Amino acid sequence: MLVGLGLMIILTLVFVARQGNANKIGGQQPAEPFRIAGNFYYVGASDVSAFLMTGPEGHVVLDAGYPTTARMIMASIAKLGFDIRDVKVLLNSEPHPDHGGGLAVLQQASGAQVWASDASGDALAAGGDDPDVVLPLRALIWIGVLGYPPPRVDHRFKDGDTIRVGPIALTAHITAGHSRGCTSWSFPVQDGDRVLNVVSACDLGVLATSTYPEQAADRERSVRLLRSLPADIWVTAHARWWGRYRKFVASQTAKNPADSFVDPQGYRAYIDTAEAELRNGRTH
């Protein structure tokens, strides 16, 4: 028992160190915002992703990074020529602080409604407090070290629900494993005379600091589900996984910049890697 407690404490310290490093450098450097394809834009930081979908009846932002990332996201939206006050819906992939931490700041600035999965809503509304997180780490959330300002959760969605703002339509796919409510999103993007299928894939890895009994089975189902989704363009909540910088650089000299982000082979490779990690029992 003492060995198990000691291991949890060590894992917690490692996690805190990683989170602190990410706040300073890993995911918190400003990044140039850019159009991916059609009305779909990147507005995140150097590693912590955030995306903007624009439309005549209002915009949608997917993921919000850490609390300090929110200001970068708003600056990126403005740099692209859009107004944060035109954002009507805020969506999220999962309630960990690197993706849900900035929701409250964005919500306050925009007045947008936050939609959350049934399994993520309570954790988001509690500023990241999740019963599946190991106790030492959860205690740090309680005292405010790792928590974040809680957004107002206006609506909850289920697997297969589609969130609409005018012509923008994103379908939620619960791909649990990283967290119970981890959500991937699929949506079409009109790019010129073609329609591209986009998938924003939720993390398929497991944190040693966040576990629950059905986790392995959930990961297997999530791998199968993601493999079934057609993806011309794919992105994830961490930019390094989908090659944000490499693809952005390539887009600067491409005849059609969107072609640099069309990568169905990369999507399949991402899922193959996640499946191999599942078989090998690897965690983050």
Protein backbone atom coordinates (compact mmCIF):
# COMPACT_ATOMS: atom_id res chain seq x y z
CA MET A 1 0.00 0.00 0.00
CA LEU A 2 2.82 2.40 0.89
CA VAL A 3 4.56 1.54 -2.37
CA GLY A 4 1.38 2.32 -4.30
CA LEU A 5 0.94 5.62 -2.48
CA GLY A 6 4.56 6.54 -3.14
CA LEU A 7 4.14 5.74 -6.83
CA MET A 8 1.06 7.95 -7.02
CA ILE A 9 2.94 10.82 -5.39
CA ILE A 10 5.87 10.43 -7.81
CA LEU A 11 3.52 10.34 -10.79
CA THR A 12 1.76 13.42 -9.49
CA LEU A 13 5.03 15.33 -9.15
CA VAL A 14 6.06 14.32 -12.66
CA PHE A 15 2.68 15.42 -14.01
CA VAL A 16 2.85 18.76 -12.19
CA ALA A 17 6.35 19.35 -13.56
CA ARG A 18 5.15 18.59 -17.08
CA GLN A 19 2.14 20.85 -16.70
CA GLY A 20 4.30 23.67 -15.38
CA ASN A 21 6.72 23.25 -18.26
CA ALA A 22 3.84 23.29 -20.73
CA ASN A 23 2.52 26.48 -19.20
CA LYS A 24 5.92 28.11 -19.70
CA ILE A 25 7.09 26.70 -23.02
CA GLY A 26 5.54 23.47 -24.31
CA GLY A 27 2.12 24.62 -25.38
CA GLN A 28 2.13 28.28 -24.53
CA GLN A 29 4.18 29.98 -27.22
CA PRO A 30 2.03 32.07 -29.57
CA ALA A 31 1.65 30.60 -33.05
CA GLU A 32 0.73 32.24 -36.32
CA PRO A 33 -2.98 31.67 -37.04
CA PHE A 34 -3.87 30.39 -40.50
CA ARG A 35 -6.58 29.01 -42.71
CA ILE A 36 -6.53 25.23 -42.97
CA ALA A 37 -9.28 24.94 -45.58
CA GLY A 38 -12.46 26.83 -46.40
CA ASN A 39 -13.92 28.31 -43.21
CA PHE A 40 -11.69 26.21 -40.94
CA TYR A 41 -8.77 27.94 -39.18
CA TYR A 42 -6.02 27.22 -36.67
CA VAL A 43 -6.03 29.68 -33.75
CA GLY A 44 -4.13 27.71 -31.10
CA ALA A 45 -0.67 27.96 -29.56
CA SER A 46 2.53 26.26 -30.69
CA ASP A 47 1.39 22.89 -29.34
CA VAL A 48 -1.99 23.24 -27.63
CA SER A 49 -4.49 23.30 -30.49
CA ALA A 50 -7.59 25.44 -30.93
CA PHE A 51 -9.70 25.76 -34.05
CA LEU A 52 -12.15 28.29 -35.47
CA MET A 53 -15.04 27.54 -37.83
CA THR A 54 -16.62 30.68 -39.27
CA GLY A 55 -20.10 31.25 -40.66
CA PRO A 56 -22.61 33.99 -41.48
CA GLU A 57 -24.72 33.19 -38.41
CA GLY A 58 -21.83 32.98 -35.98
CA HIS A 59 -18.60 31.11 -35.33
CA VAL A 60 -17.54 28.01 -33.41
CA VAL A 61 -14.32 27.53 -31.43
CA LEU A 62 -13.10 24.02 -30.66
CA ASP A 63 -10.85 23.69 -27.60
CA ALA A 64 -9.47 26.45 -25.42
CA GLY A 65 -6.06 25.40 -24.13
CA TYR A 66 -4.91 26.50 -20.68
CA PRO A 67 -6.39 29.61 -19.04
CA THR A 68 -3.40 31.60 -20.31
CA THR A 69 -3.86 30.25 -23.85
CA ALA A 70 -7.27 31.90 -24.18
CA ARG A 71 -5.73 35.35 -24.73
CA MET A 72 -3.57 33.92 -27.51
CA ILE A 73 -6.66 32.37 -29.11
CA MET A 74 -8.52 35.67 -29.00
CA ALA A 75 -5.53 37.51 -30.49
CA SER A 76 -5.35 34.93 -33.28
CA ILE A 77 -9.07 35.27 -34.03
CA ALA A 78 -8.66 39.04 -34.26
CA LYS A 79 -5.56 38.73 -36.45
CA LEU A 80 -7.56 36.67 -38.93
CA GLY A 81 -10.11 39.49 -39.09
CA PHE A 82 -12.87 37.95 -36.97
CA ASP A 83 -14.55 39.19 -33.79
CA ILE A 84 -14.57 37.04 -30.64
CA ARG A 85 -18.08 38.41 -29.96
CA ASP A 86 -19.31 36.58 -33.07
CA VAL A 87 -18.35 33.21 -31.56
CA LYS A 88 -21.64 31.56 -30.58
CA VAL A 89 -20.54 28.07 -29.52
CA LEU A 90 -17.51 26.77 -27.61
CA LEU A 91 -16.76 23.06 -27.96
CA ASN A 92 -14.20 20.91 -26.20
CA SER A 93 -12.42 17.61 -26.71
CA GLU A 94 -11.85 16.77 -23.02
CA PRO A 95 -11.83 18.44 -19.59
CA HIS A 96 -8.11 18.35 -18.78
CA PRO A 97 -6.58 21.80 -18.10
CA ASP A 98 -4.62 21.94 -21.36
CA HIS A 99 -7.84 21.83 -23.42
CA GLY A 100 -10.64 23.03 -21.15
CA GLY A 101 -8.73 25.54 -19.04
CA GLY A 102 -9.43 28.57 -21.22
CA LEU A 103 -13.15 27.99 -21.80
CA ALA A 104 -14.33 30.37 -19.07
CA VAL A 105 -12.15 33.21 -20.39
CA LEU A 106 -13.38 32.69 -23.95
CA GLN A 107 -16.97 32.42 -22.74
CA GLN A 108 -16.73 35.66 -20.79
CA ALA A 109 -15.26 37.51 -23.77
CA SER A 110 -17.68 36.13 -26.36
CA GLY A 111 -20.89 35.36 -24.49
CA ALA A 112 -20.86 32.00 -26.30
CA GLN A 113 -22.57 28.86 -25.07
CA VAL A 114 -20.43 25.96 -23.91
CA TRP A 115 -21.44 22.49 -25.06
CA ALA A 116 -19.96 19.50 -23.21
CA SER A 117 -20.35 15.74 -23.41
CA ASP A 118 -22.43 14.13 -20.68
CA ALA A 119 -19.30 12.59 -19.17
CA SER A 120 -17.19 15.77 -19.33
CA GLY A 121 -19.75 18.36 -18.28
CA ASP A 122 -19.40 17.97 -14.52
CA ALA A 123 -15.59 18.10 -14.62
CA LEU A 124 -15.61 21.21 -16.82
CA ALA A 125 -18.18 22.93 -14.61
CA ALA A 126 -16.02 22.09 -11.57
CA GLY A 127 -12.88 23.63 -13.05
CA GLY A 128 -11.26 20.31 -13.94
CA ASP A 129 -12.20 18.32 -10.84
CA ASP A 130 -12.64 14.78 -12.16
CA PRO A 131 -13.29 11.75 -9.88
CA ASP A 132 -11.16 9.59 -12.20
CA VAL A 133 -8.02 11.59 -11.40
CA VAL A 134 -5.77 10.02 -8.74
CA LEU A 135 -6.22 11.54 -5.29
CA PRO A 136 -2.90 13.43 -4.90
CA LEU A 137 -3.43 15.14 -8.23
CA ARG A 138 -7.09 15.80 -7.51
CA ALA A 139 -6.10 17.48 -4.25
CA LEU A 140 -3.97 19.92 -6.26
CA ILE A 141 -7.07 20.74 -8.29
CA TRP A 142 -9.04 21.37 -5.10
CA ILE A 143 -6.49 23.87 -3.81
CA GLY A 144 -6.23 25.65 -7.15
CA VAL A 145 -2.78 24.53 -8.29
CA LEU A 146 -4.02 22.59 -11.33
CA GLY A 147 -7.65 23.67 -11.57
CA TYR A 148 -9.00 26.33 -13.88
CA PRO A 149 -11.82 28.89 -13.92
CA PRO A 150 -15.02 26.88 -14.44
CA PRO A 151 -17.07 27.76 -17.51
CA ARG A 152 -20.85 27.80 -17.48
CA VAL A 153 -21.89 24.56 -19.19
CA ASP A 154 -25.01 25.51 -21.14
CA HIS A 155 -25.76 22.28 -23.00
CA ARG A 156 -24.73 18.64 -22.94
CA PHE A 157 -24.52 16.34 -25.92
CA LYS A 158 -24.47 12.60 -26.49
CA ASP A 159 -22.58 10.42 -28.93
CA GLY A 160 -23.74 11.12 -32.47
CA ASP A 161 -25.32 14.50 -31.73
CA THR A 162 -24.69 17.27 -34.25
CA ILE A 163 -24.08 20.85 -33.09
CA ARG A 164 -25.18 23.47 -35.62
CA VAL A 165 -24.56 27.18 -36.03
CA GLY A 166 -26.08 28.17 -39.36
CA PRO A 167 -24.30 26.10 -42.06
CA ILE A 168 -21.65 24.87 -39.61
CA ALA A 169 -22.39 21.32 -38.45
CA LEU A 170 -20.07 19.29 -36.20
CA THR A 171 -20.93 15.73 -35.18
CA ALA A 172 -19.74 14.50 -31.79
CA HIS A 173 -18.18 11.06 -31.43
CA ILE A 174 -17.50 9.92 -27.87
CA THR A 175 -14.06 8.31 -28.06
CA ALA A 176 -13.49 7.56 -24.39
CA GLY A 177 -10.23 6.25 -22.95
CA HIS A 178 -8.10 9.29 -22.31
CA SER A 179 -11.09 10.48 -20.30
CA ARG A 180 -14.65 9.16 -20.09
CA GLY A 181 -16.07 12.02 -22.12
CA CYS A 182 -13.24 12.44 -24.61
CA THR A 183 -14.89 13.68 -27.80
CA SER A 184 -13.77 13.52 -31.40
CA TRP A 185 -15.51 15.66 -33.99
CA SER A 186 -16.27 15.17 -37.67
CA PHE A 187 -17.48 17.88 -40.01
CA PRO A 188 -17.45 18.87 -43.68
CA VAL A 189 -15.54 21.87 -44.97
CA GLN A 190 -16.28 23.46 -48.32
CA ASP A 191 -12.99 24.34 -50.02
CA GLY A 192 -13.63 25.80 -53.44
CA ASP A 193 -15.60 23.27 -55.45
CA ARG A 194 -14.80 20.31 -53.19
CA VAL A 195 -16.05 19.16 -49.80
CA LEU A 196 -13.36 17.87 -47.44
CA ASN A 197 -14.10 15.56 -44.51
CA VAL A 198 -12.38 16.79 -41.34
CA VAL A 199 -11.84 14.76 -38.17
CA SER A 200 -10.62 16.28 -34.91
CA ALA A 201 -9.47 13.18 -33.04
CA CYS A 202 -9.44 13.11 -29.26
CA ASP A 203 -6.36 11.76 -27.50
CA LEU A 204 -6.23 7.96 -27.51
CA GLY A 205 -3.48 7.71 -24.89
CA VAL A 206 -3.91 7.02 -21.19
CA LEU A 207 -2.56 9.20 -18.42
CA ALA A 208 -1.14 7.23 -15.50
CA THR A 209 -2.72 9.87 -13.28
CA SER A 210 -6.25 9.38 -14.60
CA THR A 211 -7.77 5.91 -14.76
CA TYR A 212 -11.12 4.15 -14.53
CA PRO A 213 -12.18 0.46 -14.76
CA GLU A 214 -13.59 0.50 -18.31
CA GLN A 215 -10.66 2.41 -19.77
CA ALA A 216 -9.04 -0.35 -21.82
CA ALA A 217 -12.33 -1.44 -23.38
CA ASP A 218 -13.21 2.18 -24.12
CA ARG A 219 -9.90 2.73 -25.89
CA GLU A 220 -10.48 -0.30 -28.09
CA ARG A 221 -13.93 0.95 -29.08
CA SER A 222 -12.55 4.42 -29.73
CA VAL A 223 -9.83 3.12 -32.04
CA ARG A 224 -12.45 1.21 -34.04
CA LEU A 225 -14.74 4.23 -34.20
CA LEU A 226 -12.03 6.62 -35.37
CA ARG A 227 -10.88 4.12 -37.96
CA SER A 228 -14.41 4.09 -39.39
CA LEU A 229 -14.53 7.87 -39.93
CA PRO A 230 -13.49 9.19 -43.35
CA ALA A 231 -10.84 11.89 -42.97
CA ASP A 232 -9.31 14.00 -45.70
CA ILE A 233 -7.96 16.43 -43.08
CA TRP A 234 -7.28 15.38 -39.50
CA VAL A 235 -6.23 17.35 -36.45
CA THR A 236 -5.80 16.68 -32.74
CA ALA A 237 -5.73 18.67 -29.51
CA HIS A 238 -1.90 18.74 -29.60
CA ALA A 239 -0.41 20.29 -32.72
CA ARG A 240 2.71 18.12 -32.76
CA TRP A 241 0.65 14.99 -33.35
CA TRP A 242 -0.92 16.19 -36.60
CA GLY A 243 2.10 18.10 -37.89
CA ARG A 244 0.77 21.64 -37.60
CA TYR A 245 4.03 23.47 -38.26
CA ARG A 246 5.24 21.20 -41.06
CA LYS A 247 1.92 21.42 -42.88
CA PHE A 248 1.66 25.17 -42.32
CA VAL A 249 5.12 25.74 -43.84
CA ALA A 250 4.23 23.57 -46.83
CA SER A 251 0.98 25.49 -47.33
CA GLN A 252 2.86 28.77 -47.79
CA THR A 253 4.21 27.68 -51.18
CA ALA A 254 1.44 25.32 -52.30
CA LYS A 255 -0.75 26.19 -55.29
CA ASN A 256 -3.76 25.36 -53.13
CA PRO A 257 -2.71 25.77 -49.47
CA ALA A 258 -5.44 23.40 -48.27
CA ASP A 259 -3.76 20.53 -50.13
CA SER A 260 -0.94 20.63 -47.57
CA PHE A 261 -3.39 19.58 -44.87
CA VAL A 262 -5.03 16.74 -46.81
CA ASP A 263 -3.46 13.71 -45.16
CA PRO A 264 -5.60 10.54 -44.97
CA GLN A 265 -2.46 8.41 -44.74
CA GLY A 266 -1.30 10.34 -41.68
CA TYR A 267 -4.69 9.83 -40.06
CA ARG A 268 -4.47 6.06 -40.53
CA ALA A 269 -0.91 6.07 -39.18
CA TYR A 270 -2.04 8.01 -36.09
CA ILE A 271 -4.69 5.40 -35.37
CA ASP A 272 -2.26 2.54 -36.06
CA THR A 273 0.17 4.02 -33.54
CA ALA A 274 -2.56 4.43 -30.94
CA GLU A 275 -3.65 0.83 -31.45
CA ALA A 276 -0.07 -0.42 -31.08
CA GLU A 277 0.31 1.54 -27.83
CA LEU A 278 -2.92 0.02 -26.59
CA ARG A 279 -1.67 -3.48 -27.33
CA ASN A 280 1.64 -2.73 -25.58
CA GLY A 281 -0.07 -1.20 -22.56
CA ARG A 282 1.67 2.16 -22.97
CA THR A 283 0.53 5.30 -21.15
CA HIS A 284 1.46 8.98 -21.46
